[in-house]
Amino acid sequence: MVDKRTVKNVTNIIEGLGVNPSSESVSILEDIGTNSKVDAIREMTSRALVKRNEHDSLSVVITNKGKGINDMSTVVAMSTINELLSLQDKTEAMKILEDTVEMHSDEEVRDNARSVKALMALS
């Protein structure tokens, strides 16, 4: 079991990287956070990447198999989808979703993108 202090520290690190304007912070979140064995860390990381609302960060959670909307954990996937739906400006996310539906090589990723795109169009 992980103690509360460790969880708080990890949360602070993920939130800090999420607001850091450096493109390296997206790489760190992708490499470490979205590949974590812990669902809660992947969930926090995906939400932080969506909140950035930038092409690179949104691409991580939309186009990658096993990450964000394509995570095997329904909690992580749904949390990412809810964060996408709550974006004020959905323009970049919709563009990436459209590109993913049209061009991604993996059928499951295309299907997930198609479903999220439909939800976002209704929100």
Protein backbone atom coordinates (compact mmCIF):
# COMPACT_ATOMS: atom_id res chain seq x y z
CA MET A 1 0.00 0.00 0.00
CA VAL A 2 1.20 3.51 -0.81
CA ASP A 3 1.17 6.11 1.94
CA LYS A 4 -0.70 9.41 1.62
CA ARG A 5 2.49 11.47 1.52
CA THR A 6 3.78 9.56 -1.52
CA VAL A 7 0.44 9.97 -3.30
CA LYS A 8 0.47 13.70 -2.55
CA ASN A 9 4.04 14.02 -3.87
CA VAL A 10 3.23 12.12 -7.07
CA THR A 11 0.08 14.21 -7.54
CA ASN A 12 2.08 17.43 -7.14
CA ILE A 13 4.70 16.24 -9.64
CA ILE A 14 2.09 15.29 -12.25
CA GLU A 15 0.19 18.55 -11.79
CA GLY A 16 3.45 20.53 -12.01
CA LEU A 17 4.46 18.79 -15.22
CA GLY A 18 0.95 19.33 -16.57
CA VAL A 19 1.23 23.11 -16.28
CA ASN A 20 4.91 23.35 -17.23
CA PRO A 21 5.08 25.01 -20.68
CA SER A 22 8.08 22.91 -21.76
CA SER A 23 7.44 20.28 -24.41
CA GLU A 24 9.77 18.00 -22.43
CA SER A 25 7.15 17.81 -19.70
CA VAL A 26 4.76 16.11 -22.17
CA SER A 27 7.47 13.55 -22.94
CA ILE A 28 8.04 12.89 -19.25
CA LEU A 29 4.32 12.50 -18.58
CA GLU A 30 4.03 10.13 -21.52
CA ASP A 31 7.11 8.06 -20.72
CA ILE A 32 6.62 7.74 -16.99
CA GLY A 33 3.02 8.59 -16.14
CA THR A 34 1.08 6.89 -18.91
CA ASN A 35 3.24 3.78 -18.65
CA SER A 36 2.81 3.38 -14.89
CA LYS A 37 1.50 0.10 -13.51
CA VAL A 38 -0.72 2.12 -11.13
CA ASP A 39 -4.13 3.05 -12.55
CA ALA A 40 -4.38 6.19 -10.39
CA ILE A 41 -1.10 7.54 -11.76
CA ARG A 42 -2.13 6.83 -15.36
CA GLU A 43 -5.47 8.52 -14.67
CA MET A 44 -3.88 11.66 -13.17
CA THR A 45 -1.37 11.77 -16.00
CA SER A 46 -4.01 11.48 -18.73
CA ARG A 47 -6.07 14.24 -17.12
CA ALA A 48 -3.00 16.49 -16.87
CA LEU A 49 -2.19 15.90 -20.55
CA VAL A 50 -5.75 16.74 -21.62
CA LYS A 51 -5.81 19.91 -19.51
CA ARG A 52 -2.77 21.17 -21.42
CA ASN A 53 -5.01 21.14 -24.51
CA GLU A 54 -2.06 21.13 -26.92
CA HIS A 55 -1.51 19.00 -30.00
CA ASP A 56 1.31 16.90 -28.55
CA SER A 57 -0.34 16.26 -25.19
CA LEU A 58 -3.73 15.45 -26.72
CA SER A 59 -2.13 13.12 -29.26
CA VAL A 60 -0.68 11.03 -26.44
CA VAL A 61 -4.09 10.32 -24.89
CA ILE A 62 -6.04 9.98 -28.16
CA THR A 63 -3.81 8.16 -30.64
CA ASN A 64 -1.75 5.76 -28.52
CA LYS A 65 -2.92 2.23 -27.90
CA GLY A 66 -2.98 1.47 -24.18
CA LYS A 67 -3.01 5.12 -23.12
CA GLY A 68 -5.71 7.69 -22.38
CA ILE A 69 -8.97 6.83 -24.14
CA ASN A 70 -7.42 3.51 -25.20
CA ASP A 71 -6.29 2.44 -21.72
CA MET A 72 -7.22 -1.09 -20.64
CA SER A 73 -8.53 0.31 -17.35
CA THR A 74 -12.04 1.65 -17.82
CA VAL A 75 -11.43 4.11 -14.97
CA VAL A 76 -8.49 5.65 -16.82
CA ALA A 77 -10.26 5.66 -20.18
CA MET A 78 -13.48 7.19 -18.82
CA SER A 79 -11.60 9.78 -16.79
CA THR A 80 -9.73 10.83 -19.93
CA ILE A 81 -12.96 11.00 -21.93
CA ASN A 82 -14.64 13.08 -19.22
CA GLU A 83 -11.68 15.47 -19.21
CA LEU A 84 -11.89 15.79 -23.01
CA LEU A 85 -15.62 16.50 -22.77
CA SER A 86 -15.00 19.24 -20.20
CA LEU A 87 -12.55 21.18 -22.39
CA GLN A 88 -13.70 24.72 -23.12
CA ASP A 89 -11.98 24.74 -26.51
CA LYS A 90 -12.40 21.35 -28.17
CA THR A 91 -10.96 22.39 -31.55
CA GLU A 92 -7.57 20.68 -31.31
CA ALA A 93 -9.00 17.54 -29.71
CA MET A 94 -11.62 17.23 -32.45
CA LYS A 95 -8.94 17.65 -35.13
CA ILE A 96 -6.82 14.88 -33.61
CA LEU A 97 -9.87 12.64 -33.21
CA GLU A 98 -10.81 13.17 -36.88
CA ASP A 99 -7.25 12.43 -38.04
CA THR A 100 -7.16 9.31 -35.86
CA VAL A 101 -10.48 8.03 -37.24
CA GLU A 102 -9.28 8.58 -40.82
CA MET A 103 -5.65 7.51 -40.66
CA HIS A 104 -4.73 5.36 -37.64
CA SER A 105 -3.55 1.85 -38.44
CA ASP A 106 -5.19 0.18 -35.43
CA GLU A 107 -8.92 -0.50 -35.78
CA GLU A 108 -9.59 -0.43 -32.02
CA VAL A 109 -7.94 2.99 -31.68
CA ARG A 110 -9.98 4.27 -34.65
CA ASP A 111 -13.21 2.93 -33.09
CA ASN A 112 -12.48 4.56 -29.73
CA ALA A 113 -11.65 7.85 -31.42
CA ARG A 114 -14.88 7.65 -33.44
CA SER A 115 -16.92 7.10 -30.26
CA VAL A 116 -15.25 9.94 -28.35
CA LYS A 117 -15.61 12.25 -31.36
CA ALA A 118 -19.36 11.55 -31.41
CA LEU A 119 -19.63 12.27 -27.69
CA MET A 120 -17.70 15.52 -28.05
CA ALA A 121 -19.88 16.62 -30.96
CA LEU A 122 -22.90 16.25 -28.69
CA SER A 123 -21.39 18.12 -25.74
